[in-house]
Amino acid sequence: MKKKNTILLIIIILVTIILIINRLTQDKKENFCIDKMIDNNLATNNSKTVLLIHGYPEPIYEDSYLYKFFKDRDYNIIAPYLFAPEFKLTKEEAKKYIESKLNNKAPDVIVGVSMGGLIAPQIALDYPTSKLVMIATGPYVKTNVEILNDVVLNGEPKLLSTVFRIGKSIPTWLYSIFYKTFNHPKVTDSERILVEKHIRENWSCVTSIPVEEDIEVASFLASTDNTELLKKLENKTIIFAGDSDIMMPASLSTKLNDFIKNSKLIISKDRLHYSVFNEKNYEDLDDFLSN
């Protein structure tokens, strides 16, 4: 424990020094999340409906692969923003908020992405005929980065508040270094530009979320284990995972597949957490939805 506290103290000191440098260089953060967020329209009764439950920190955007897939197939898309100030992020309140967006309509498809995959089964239990799509998620959270497990999932609220407040002030270029150090993206030169774009947008979303919401997220992640609930699901389910995902490792998706009785697992090669689902998976999802 003393060793972990010493490491954390060193990290805080280093980050503080970097913050001073960042203030001097006036690194400007983008407002990607605010600019790109789609409207959370209520469900209507005259079309197929898909419920998209996003992860942390990015909501669903019009240029995302998921949105494009369902939009091109004439679905009414419901994509509630989970960090809205109207409710606290607990299983009970999140479910109530999402139900209000469904407007008394049973969704044809329920999609849970990353953290959203911890909420999706709570909704699916009430709609057993809805098809369930789980992307880069698991029955619970356990990353392959031990410091994240120790600090975020097991940290005290006061410590988390300090870590989040300091962390959100680091410059984008430093976040990019951390991101690539942990994820080791295997990309071509042409793909590198897209990775850098994703990192900038991801960090913009992280910094746009209030610290109080971050603490709610950490508490939600630490307290959620859907193992027993998943065994009760009757929904036809498809699970997408990436073999290079360190945030929600494919081993967690394998557990999902074991727990959900009517499920199919697809593990894609060289996919990081953010890239588990893309246009190469459209055919798999089309086949799943049409059968």
Protein backbone atom coordinates (compact mmCIF):
# COMPACT_ATOMS: atom_id res chain seq x y z
CA MET A 1 0.00 0.00 0.00
CA LYS A 2 2.86 2.40 0.90
CA LYS A 3 4.50 1.68 -2.44
CA LYS A 4 1.28 2.50 -4.33
CA ASN A 5 0.83 5.74 -2.36
CA THR A 6 4.42 6.76 -3.12
CA ILE A 7 3.94 6.09 -6.83
CA LEU A 8 0.71 8.08 -6.81
CA LEU A 9 2.42 11.00 -5.00
CA ILE A 10 5.21 11.03 -7.59
CA ILE A 11 2.65 11.05 -10.39
CA ILE A 12 0.79 13.98 -8.78
CA ILE A 13 4.03 15.97 -8.40
CA LEU A 14 5.02 15.33 -12.01
CA VAL A 15 1.57 16.23 -13.27
CA THR A 16 1.62 19.45 -11.20
CA ILE A 17 4.88 20.48 -12.86
CA ILE A 18 3.39 19.73 -16.25
CA LEU A 19 0.31 21.79 -15.36
CA ILE A 20 2.48 24.81 -14.74
CA ILE A 21 4.13 24.33 -18.12
CA ASN A 22 0.74 23.87 -19.72
CA ARG A 23 -0.58 27.13 -18.25
CA LEU A 24 2.44 28.94 -19.61
CA THR A 25 1.96 27.48 -23.09
CA GLN A 26 -1.84 27.99 -22.88
CA ASP A 27 -2.82 24.69 -24.45
CA LYS A 28 -6.38 25.17 -25.77
CA LYS A 29 -8.84 22.31 -25.42
CA GLU A 30 -11.51 21.58 -28.01
CA ASN A 31 -15.25 21.33 -27.28
CA PHE A 32 -15.77 18.26 -29.44
CA CYS A 33 -18.34 16.62 -27.15
CA ILE A 34 -20.50 19.71 -26.89
CA ASP A 35 -20.34 20.46 -30.61
CA LYS A 36 -21.01 16.92 -31.87
CA MET A 37 -23.55 15.53 -29.42
CA ILE A 38 -26.81 14.42 -31.05
CA ASP A 39 -30.24 15.32 -29.73
CA ASN A 40 -31.84 12.80 -27.38
CA ASN A 41 -35.14 12.46 -29.24
CA LEU A 42 -37.99 10.53 -27.69
CA ALA A 43 -38.98 7.22 -29.21
CA THR A 44 -41.86 7.28 -31.68
CA ASN A 45 -44.34 4.55 -32.58
CA ASN A 46 -43.94 4.61 -36.35
CA SER A 47 -40.50 3.07 -36.87
CA LYS A 48 -38.00 0.54 -35.62
CA THR A 49 -36.24 1.83 -32.53
CA VAL A 50 -32.70 1.27 -31.34
CA LEU A 51 -31.50 2.30 -27.91
CA LEU A 52 -27.80 3.22 -27.93
CA ILE A 53 -26.21 3.37 -24.47
CA HIS A 54 -22.77 4.96 -24.67
CA GLY A 55 -19.63 4.50 -22.61
CA TYR A 56 -17.17 6.84 -20.92
CA PRO A 57 -16.38 9.53 -21.92
CA GLU A 58 -17.91 9.82 -25.40
CA PRO A 59 -21.64 9.94 -26.20
CA ILE A 60 -23.01 8.77 -29.54
CA TYR A 61 -22.31 11.04 -32.53
CA GLU A 62 -23.77 11.26 -36.01
CA ASP A 63 -20.42 10.35 -37.54
CA SER A 64 -19.94 7.27 -35.35
CA TYR A 65 -20.09 3.83 -36.97
CA LEU A 66 -23.01 2.79 -34.78
CA TYR A 67 -25.10 5.86 -35.55
CA LYS A 68 -24.44 5.56 -39.29
CA PHE A 69 -25.33 1.87 -39.29
CA PHE A 70 -28.75 2.33 -37.72
CA LYS A 71 -29.51 5.63 -39.46
CA ASP A 72 -28.88 4.06 -42.87
CA ARG A 73 -31.35 1.31 -41.95
CA ASP A 74 -34.12 3.74 -40.95
CA TYR A 75 -34.10 3.15 -37.22
CA ASN A 76 -35.40 5.74 -34.79
CA ILE A 77 -32.27 6.31 -32.68
CA ILE A 78 -32.51 6.96 -28.95
CA ALA A 79 -29.14 7.88 -27.44
CA PRO A 80 -29.51 9.23 -23.88
CA TYR A 81 -26.58 11.21 -22.48
CA LEU A 82 -25.51 9.43 -19.30
CA PHE A 83 -23.69 12.41 -17.79
CA ALA A 84 -26.74 14.67 -17.82
CA PRO A 85 -27.24 16.63 -14.59
CA GLU A 86 -30.89 15.51 -14.31
CA PHE A 87 -30.00 12.26 -12.59
CA LYS A 88 -27.31 10.50 -10.61
CA LEU A 89 -25.50 7.65 -12.35
CA THR A 90 -26.75 4.65 -10.45
CA LYS A 91 -28.34 1.55 -11.97
CA GLU A 92 -31.77 2.57 -10.69
CA GLU A 93 -31.68 6.21 -11.77
CA ALA A 94 -30.02 5.48 -15.11
CA LYS A 95 -32.72 2.94 -15.89
CA LYS A 96 -35.49 5.39 -14.97
CA TYR A 97 -33.91 8.12 -17.13
CA ILE A 98 -33.53 5.80 -20.12
CA GLU A 99 -37.10 4.55 -19.75
CA SER A 100 -38.30 8.16 -19.97
CA LYS A 101 -36.49 8.50 -23.30
CA LEU A 102 -38.08 5.30 -24.62
CA ASN A 103 -41.47 6.96 -24.12
CA ASN A 104 -43.29 3.68 -23.33
CA LYS A 105 -42.01 2.00 -26.51
CA ALA A 106 -40.20 -1.33 -26.41
CA PRO A 107 -36.91 -0.98 -28.30
CA ASP A 108 -36.30 -3.38 -31.17
CA VAL A 109 -32.56 -3.31 -30.45
CA ILE A 110 -30.60 -2.40 -27.31
CA VAL A 111 -26.91 -1.56 -27.73
CA GLY A 112 -24.48 -1.23 -24.82
CA VAL A 113 -21.00 0.17 -25.47
CA SER A 114 -18.29 -0.22 -22.82
CA MET A 115 -19.77 1.28 -19.62
CA GLY A 116 -23.14 1.33 -21.40
CA GLY A 117 -22.86 -2.45 -21.57
CA LEU A 118 -23.22 -2.52 -17.79
CA ILE A 119 -26.56 -0.69 -18.07
CA ALA A 120 -27.93 -2.44 -21.18
CA PRO A 121 -28.71 -5.76 -19.43
CA GLN A 122 -30.76 -3.88 -16.81
CA ILE A 123 -32.95 -2.57 -19.64
CA ALA A 124 -32.94 -5.81 -21.66
CA LEU A 125 -34.33 -7.79 -18.74
CA ASP A 126 -37.61 -5.88 -19.13
CA TYR A 127 -37.69 -6.36 -22.92
CA PRO A 128 -36.85 -10.04 -23.57
CA THR A 129 -37.80 -9.85 -27.26
CA SER A 130 -35.44 -6.95 -27.95
CA LYS A 131 -32.18 -7.94 -29.57
CA LEU A 132 -29.12 -7.09 -27.50
CA VAL A 133 -25.78 -5.84 -28.90
CA MET A 134 -22.83 -5.65 -26.52
CA ILE A 135 -19.67 -3.86 -27.64
CA ALA A 136 -16.32 -3.74 -25.79
CA THR A 137 -17.89 -4.56 -22.45
CA GLY A 138 -18.26 -7.23 -19.81
CA PRO A 139 -20.28 -8.38 -16.80
CA TYR A 140 -18.18 -5.99 -14.70
CA VAL A 141 -15.08 -3.82 -15.13
CA LYS A 142 -11.55 -5.07 -14.71
CA THR A 143 -8.97 -3.45 -16.96
CA ASN A 144 -5.51 -4.73 -17.83
CA VAL A 145 -4.05 -1.55 -16.28
CA GLU A 146 -3.61 -2.22 -12.58
CA ILE A 147 -3.15 1.42 -11.58
CA LEU A 148 -6.57 2.19 -13.08
CA ASN A 149 -8.13 -0.67 -11.15
CA ASP A 150 -6.45 0.48 -7.92
CA VAL A 151 -7.13 4.21 -8.21
CA VAL A 152 -10.39 4.50 -10.16
CA LEU A 153 -12.23 1.34 -9.07
CA ASN A 154 -10.92 1.14 -5.51
CA GLY A 155 -10.00 4.73 -4.69
CA GLU A 156 -11.60 6.87 -1.99
CA PRO A 157 -13.82 9.76 -3.22
CA LYS A 158 -11.46 12.47 -1.91
CA LEU A 159 -8.51 10.85 -3.64
CA LEU A 160 -10.51 10.41 -6.83
CA SER A 161 -11.56 14.06 -6.77
CA THR A 162 -7.92 15.16 -6.53
CA VAL A 163 -6.80 12.78 -9.25
CA PHE A 164 -9.61 13.84 -11.62
CA ARG A 165 -9.11 17.56 -11.04
CA ILE A 166 -5.38 17.36 -11.64
CA GLY A 167 -5.72 14.92 -14.51
CA LYS A 168 -8.23 17.03 -16.43
CA SER A 169 -5.76 19.90 -16.56
CA ILE A 170 -2.97 18.08 -18.35
CA PRO A 171 -2.32 19.10 -21.96
CA THR A 172 -3.67 17.07 -24.86
CA TRP A 173 -0.19 16.13 -26.04
CA LEU A 174 0.59 14.50 -22.69
CA TYR A 175 -2.69 12.58 -22.67
CA SER A 176 -1.77 11.38 -26.15
CA ILE A 177 1.51 10.00 -24.83
CA PHE A 178 -0.21 8.21 -21.94
CA TYR A 179 -2.89 6.82 -24.26
CA LYS A 180 -0.44 5.41 -26.78
CA THR A 181 1.86 4.07 -24.05
CA PHE A 182 -0.93 1.98 -22.53
CA ASN A 183 -2.74 1.02 -25.75
CA HIS A 184 0.14 0.42 -28.20
CA PRO A 185 -2.02 1.03 -31.29
CA LYS A 186 -0.90 -1.01 -34.31
CA VAL A 187 -1.65 1.35 -37.16
CA THR A 188 -0.45 2.23 -40.63
CA ASP A 189 0.72 5.74 -41.46
CA SER A 190 -2.68 6.56 -42.95
CA GLU A 191 -4.49 5.25 -39.87
CA ARG A 192 -2.22 7.20 -37.51
CA ILE A 193 -4.02 10.43 -38.37
CA LEU A 194 -7.35 8.88 -37.37
CA VAL A 195 -5.88 7.63 -34.09
CA GLU A 196 -4.57 11.10 -33.24
CA LYS A 197 -7.99 12.55 -34.08
CA HIS A 198 -9.69 10.03 -31.81
CA ILE A 199 -7.30 10.84 -28.95
CA ARG A 200 -7.98 14.58 -29.23
CA GLU A 201 -11.74 14.02 -29.32
CA ASN A 202 -11.62 11.52 -26.46
CA TRP A 203 -9.68 13.95 -24.27
CA SER A 204 -12.07 16.75 -25.15
CA CYS A 205 -14.91 14.59 -23.85
CA VAL A 206 -13.03 13.68 -20.67
CA THR A 207 -12.38 17.33 -19.84
CA SER A 208 -15.99 18.34 -20.57
CA ILE A 209 -17.41 16.07 -17.86
CA PRO A 210 -17.67 17.62 -14.37
CA VAL A 211 -15.52 15.97 -11.69
CA GLU A 212 -18.65 15.17 -9.68
CA GLU A 213 -19.89 13.08 -12.61
CA ASP A 214 -16.51 11.33 -12.85
CA ILE A 215 -16.82 10.26 -9.22
CA GLU A 216 -20.34 8.95 -9.92
CA VAL A 217 -18.96 6.97 -12.86
CA ALA A 218 -16.17 5.50 -10.73
CA SER A 219 -18.65 4.51 -8.02
CA PHE A 220 -20.99 2.97 -10.59
CA LEU A 221 -18.19 0.96 -12.21
CA ALA A 222 -16.84 -0.26 -8.88
CA SER A 223 -20.26 -1.38 -7.62
CA THR A 224 -21.61 -3.10 -10.74
CA ASP A 225 -21.38 -6.84 -11.32
CA ASN A 226 -24.05 -8.21 -13.67
CA THR A 227 -22.98 -11.85 -13.47
CA GLU A 228 -26.23 -13.18 -12.01
CA LEU A 229 -28.44 -10.83 -14.01
CA LEU A 230 -26.88 -11.94 -17.32
CA LYS A 231 -27.83 -15.55 -16.59
CA LYS A 232 -31.51 -14.49 -16.54
CA LEU A 233 -31.52 -12.81 -19.96
CA GLU A 234 -33.58 -14.36 -22.74
CA ASN A 235 -32.55 -11.78 -25.35
CA LYS A 236 -30.87 -12.88 -28.55
CA THR A 237 -27.41 -11.32 -28.17
CA ILE A 238 -24.31 -10.55 -30.20
CA ILE A 239 -21.06 -9.55 -28.50
CA PHE A 240 -18.22 -7.66 -30.20
CA ALA A 241 -14.77 -7.64 -28.58
CA GLY A 242 -11.22 -6.69 -29.54
CA ASP A 243 -8.18 -8.81 -28.81
CA SER A 244 -6.10 -5.67 -28.08
CA ASP A 245 -8.65 -4.01 -25.81
CA ILE A 246 -7.02 -3.32 -22.42
CA MET A 247 -9.95 -1.40 -20.91
CA MET A 248 -12.56 -4.14 -21.38
CA PRO A 249 -10.41 -7.16 -22.30
CA ALA A 250 -11.81 -9.87 -24.56
CA SER A 251 -11.74 -12.21 -21.57
CA LEU A 252 -14.64 -10.20 -20.10
CA SER A 253 -16.60 -10.55 -23.33
CA THR A 254 -15.96 -14.28 -23.19
CA LYS A 255 -17.60 -14.30 -19.76
CA LEU A 256 -20.57 -12.43 -21.22
CA ASN A 257 -20.88 -15.12 -23.85
CA ASP A 258 -20.75 -17.81 -21.17
CA PHE A 259 -23.39 -16.14 -18.99
CA ILE A 260 -25.93 -15.14 -21.68
CA LYS A 261 -27.62 -18.30 -22.92
CA ASN A 262 -28.56 -17.08 -26.41
CA SER A 263 -25.41 -15.24 -27.47
CA LYS A 264 -22.71 -15.13 -30.13
CA LEU A 265 -19.19 -13.73 -29.61
CA ILE A 266 -17.06 -12.05 -32.28
CA ILE A 267 -13.47 -11.16 -31.34
CA SER A 268 -11.70 -8.95 -33.88
CA LYS A 269 -7.94 -8.85 -34.28
CA ASP A 270 -5.86 -5.75 -33.45
CA ARG A 271 -8.86 -3.75 -32.19
CA LEU A 272 -8.37 -1.32 -29.32
CA HIS A 273 -11.18 -0.33 -26.94
CA TYR A 274 -12.42 2.52 -29.09
CA SER A 275 -12.21 0.57 -32.37
CA VAL A 276 -13.88 -2.72 -31.40
CA PHE A 277 -16.81 -1.96 -33.71
CA ASN A 278 -16.41 -0.41 -37.16
CA GLU A 279 -17.75 -0.77 -40.71
CA LYS A 280 -16.06 -4.17 -41.04
CA ASN A 281 -18.61 -5.47 -38.52
CA TYR A 282 -21.65 -4.20 -40.43
CA GLU A 283 -22.21 -7.54 -42.16
CA ASP A 284 -22.11 -9.41 -38.84
CA LEU A 285 -24.62 -7.02 -37.30
CA ASP A 286 -26.87 -7.12 -40.37
CA ASP A 287 -26.95 -10.93 -40.25
CA PHE A 288 -27.73 -10.85 -36.55
CA LEU A 289 -30.59 -8.37 -36.90
CA SER A 290 -32.15 -10.11 -39.89
CA ASN A 291 -32.36 -13.56 -38.30
